[in-house]
Amino acid sequence: MAVFTFEDQTTSPVAPATLYKALVKDADNIVPKAVDSFKSVEIVEGNGGPGTIKKISFLEDGETKFVLHKIEGIDEANLGYSYSIVGGSALPETAEKITIDSKLSDGPNGGSVVKLSIKYHSKGDAPPNEDELKTGKAKSDALFKVIEAYLLANA
């Protein structure tokens, strides 16, 4: 297995503590309200802390699909969160898992800076498919923007 690491950063007009609470603590309730295509979030294993695996079901291209989301770490004091996609339709066939480490900090005008480190753990040594990476990033960015809009509309 090879591990490929990618870095990303975005800004948000939402304050770091508010955004963190929405993305980490309240996501199971907010995401299905903010995103019509999400059907359910259920805990498959664990108690909500590190090691917990959630099954997130959603509608895509008229078909119900799911992803298995494993919580790797929660650092409330430093607004950090780490999770892995460990199964389901959003995990490319060439990947064992994809781990996302996020850290929120103060941004301009009371907003946030969100730093991401994405680790793609491949099956074998082949690098990830560029199209799959672009598609995954586009979906992730779109989900983030919908949650951000939901927070701004319900502030």
Protein backbone atom coordinates (compact mmCIF):
# COMPACT_ATOMS: atom_id res chain seq x y z
CA MET A 1 0.00 0.00 0.00
CA ALA A 2 1.19 3.50 -0.83
CA VAL A 3 -0.02 6.70 0.84
CA PHE A 4 -0.47 9.87 -1.20
CA THR A 5 -0.97 13.12 0.71
CA PHE A 6 -2.74 16.24 -0.54
CA GLU A 7 -3.17 19.57 1.24
CA ASP A 8 -6.09 21.96 0.82
CA GLN A 9 -7.27 25.14 2.49
CA THR A 10 -10.44 27.20 2.31
CA THR A 11 -11.93 30.15 4.11
CA SER A 12 -15.43 30.66 5.44
CA PRO A 13 -17.31 33.68 6.79
CA VAL A 14 -18.57 31.45 9.64
CA ALA A 15 -16.68 31.69 12.97
CA PRO A 16 -14.40 28.71 13.72
CA ALA A 17 -16.25 27.46 16.83
CA THR A 18 -19.65 27.64 15.07
CA LEU A 19 -18.36 25.90 11.95
CA TYR A 20 -16.58 23.21 14.00
CA LYS A 21 -19.71 22.51 16.03
CA ALA A 22 -21.75 22.14 12.83
CA LEU A 23 -19.24 19.96 10.99
CA VAL A 24 -18.24 17.73 13.91
CA LYS A 25 -20.76 17.72 16.74
CA ASP A 26 -24.04 18.49 14.93
CA ALA A 27 -23.32 17.14 11.44
CA ASP A 28 -25.57 14.10 11.84
CA ASN A 29 -28.54 16.44 12.34
CA ILE A 30 -27.54 19.35 10.11
CA VAL A 31 -26.41 17.50 6.97
CA PRO A 32 -29.73 15.71 6.31
CA LYS A 33 -31.57 19.05 6.81
CA ALA A 34 -29.20 21.05 4.61
CA VAL A 35 -28.66 18.51 1.83
CA ASP A 36 -31.73 17.01 0.17
CA SER A 37 -29.79 14.03 -1.22
CA PHE A 38 -28.77 12.79 2.25
CA LYS A 39 -31.15 10.14 3.52
CA SER A 40 -29.74 9.04 6.88
CA VAL A 41 -26.78 8.87 9.23
CA GLU A 42 -26.59 5.89 11.55
CA ILE A 43 -23.94 4.66 13.96
CA VAL A 44 -22.88 1.15 12.96
CA GLU A 45 -20.25 0.75 15.68
CA GLY A 46 -19.08 2.83 18.64
CA ASN A 47 -20.38 5.61 20.86
CA GLY A 48 -19.67 8.73 18.76
CA GLY A 49 -16.02 9.11 19.75
CA PRO A 50 -12.85 7.90 18.02
CA GLY A 51 -13.31 4.46 16.49
CA THR A 52 -17.00 5.07 15.77
CA ILE A 53 -18.15 4.00 12.31
CA LYS A 54 -21.15 5.73 10.75
CA LYS A 55 -23.11 4.66 7.69
CA ILE A 56 -24.14 7.72 5.72
CA SER A 57 -26.80 7.02 3.07
CA PHE A 58 -27.49 9.41 0.21
CA LEU A 59 -29.19 9.61 -3.16
CA GLU A 60 -26.92 9.99 -6.20
CA ASP A 61 -27.94 9.65 -9.84
CA GLY A 62 -31.34 8.35 -8.71
CA GLU A 63 -29.75 5.54 -6.71
CA THR A 64 -29.33 5.12 -2.93
CA LYS A 65 -25.65 4.80 -2.03
CA PHE A 66 -23.70 4.88 1.21
CA VAL A 67 -20.30 5.57 2.68
CA LEU A 68 -18.71 4.25 5.86
CA HIS A 69 -17.18 7.11 7.87
CA LYS A 70 -14.79 6.19 10.71
CA ILE A 71 -13.94 8.82 13.32
CA GLU A 72 -10.19 8.75 13.85
CA GLY A 73 -9.80 11.65 16.28
CA ILE A 74 -11.59 14.62 17.83
CA ASP A 75 -9.65 17.57 19.24
CA GLU A 76 -12.25 20.08 20.44
CA ALA A 77 -9.70 22.29 22.21
CA ASN A 78 -7.80 22.90 18.95
CA LEU A 79 -10.81 22.57 16.60
CA GLY A 80 -9.35 19.47 14.95
CA TYR A 81 -11.14 16.46 13.51
CA SER A 82 -9.90 13.38 11.71
CA TYR A 83 -11.99 10.77 9.91
CA SER A 84 -11.59 8.12 7.24
CA ILE A 85 -13.80 6.88 4.45
CA VAL A 86 -13.38 3.12 4.91
CA GLY A 87 -16.05 1.69 2.62
CA GLY A 88 -19.08 2.32 0.48
CA SER A 89 -19.69 3.84 -2.92
CA ALA A 90 -17.63 7.01 -2.32
CA LEU A 91 -14.47 4.97 -1.76
CA PRO A 92 -12.69 4.38 -5.09
CA GLU A 93 -11.89 0.76 -5.91
CA THR A 94 -8.17 1.60 -5.89
CA ALA A 95 -8.28 2.87 -2.28
CA GLU A 96 -8.05 1.03 1.03
CA LYS A 97 -9.24 4.19 2.79
CA ILE A 98 -9.07 7.97 2.54
CA THR A 99 -8.24 9.88 5.72
CA ILE A 100 -9.08 13.56 6.14
CA ASP A 101 -7.48 15.60 8.93
CA SER A 102 -9.07 19.02 9.41
CA LYS A 103 -8.09 21.99 11.55
CA LEU A 104 -10.06 25.21 11.89
CA SER A 105 -8.57 28.51 12.95
CA ASP A 106 -9.44 32.20 13.00
CA GLY A 107 -9.85 33.72 9.57
CA PRO A 108 -10.52 37.16 8.15
CA ASN A 109 -13.43 39.25 9.44
CA GLY A 110 -14.37 36.81 12.21
CA GLY A 111 -14.54 33.85 9.83
CA SER A 112 -12.56 30.63 9.61
CA VAL A 113 -9.61 29.12 7.82
CA VAL A 114 -10.07 25.39 7.25
CA LYS A 115 -6.91 23.39 6.59
CA LEU A 116 -7.21 19.86 5.28
CA SER A 117 -4.69 17.08 4.89
CA ILE A 118 -6.03 14.22 2.78
CA LYS A 119 -4.22 10.88 2.82
CA TYR A 120 -5.16 8.46 0.05
CA HIS A 121 -4.18 4.92 1.10
CA SER A 122 -4.05 2.99 -2.17
CA LYS A 123 -4.37 -0.72 -2.81
CA GLY A 124 -0.91 -1.42 -4.17
CA ASP A 125 1.44 1.34 -5.26
CA ALA A 126 -0.58 2.98 -8.02
CA PRO A 127 -1.39 6.67 -7.54
CA PRO A 128 -5.03 7.71 -7.28
CA ASN A 129 -7.00 8.40 -10.44
CA GLU A 130 -7.00 12.15 -11.18
CA ASP A 131 -10.66 12.14 -12.26
CA GLU A 132 -11.71 10.41 -9.04
CA LEU A 133 -9.75 12.96 -7.01
CA LYS A 134 -11.36 15.88 -8.85
CA THR A 135 -14.84 14.38 -8.44
CA GLY A 136 -14.26 13.72 -4.73
CA LYS A 137 -12.98 17.26 -4.15
CA ALA A 138 -15.92 18.78 -6.03
CA LYS A 139 -18.41 16.77 -3.92
CA SER A 140 -16.62 17.69 -0.69
CA ASP A 141 -16.47 21.38 -1.61
CA ALA A 142 -20.17 21.38 -2.56
CA LEU A 143 -21.15 19.72 0.74
CA PHE A 144 -19.08 22.26 2.69
CA LYS A 145 -20.71 25.19 0.86
CA VAL A 146 -24.22 23.83 1.52
CA ILE A 147 -23.49 23.45 5.25
CA GLU A 148 -21.94 26.92 5.31
CA ALA A 149 -25.03 28.40 3.59
CA TYR A 150 -27.30 26.57 6.02
CA LEU A 151 -25.40 28.05 8.98
CA LEU A 152 -25.48 31.55 7.53
CA ALA A 153 -29.22 31.30 6.79
CA ASN A 154 -29.99 29.98 10.29
CA ALA A 155 -27.68 32.24 12.27
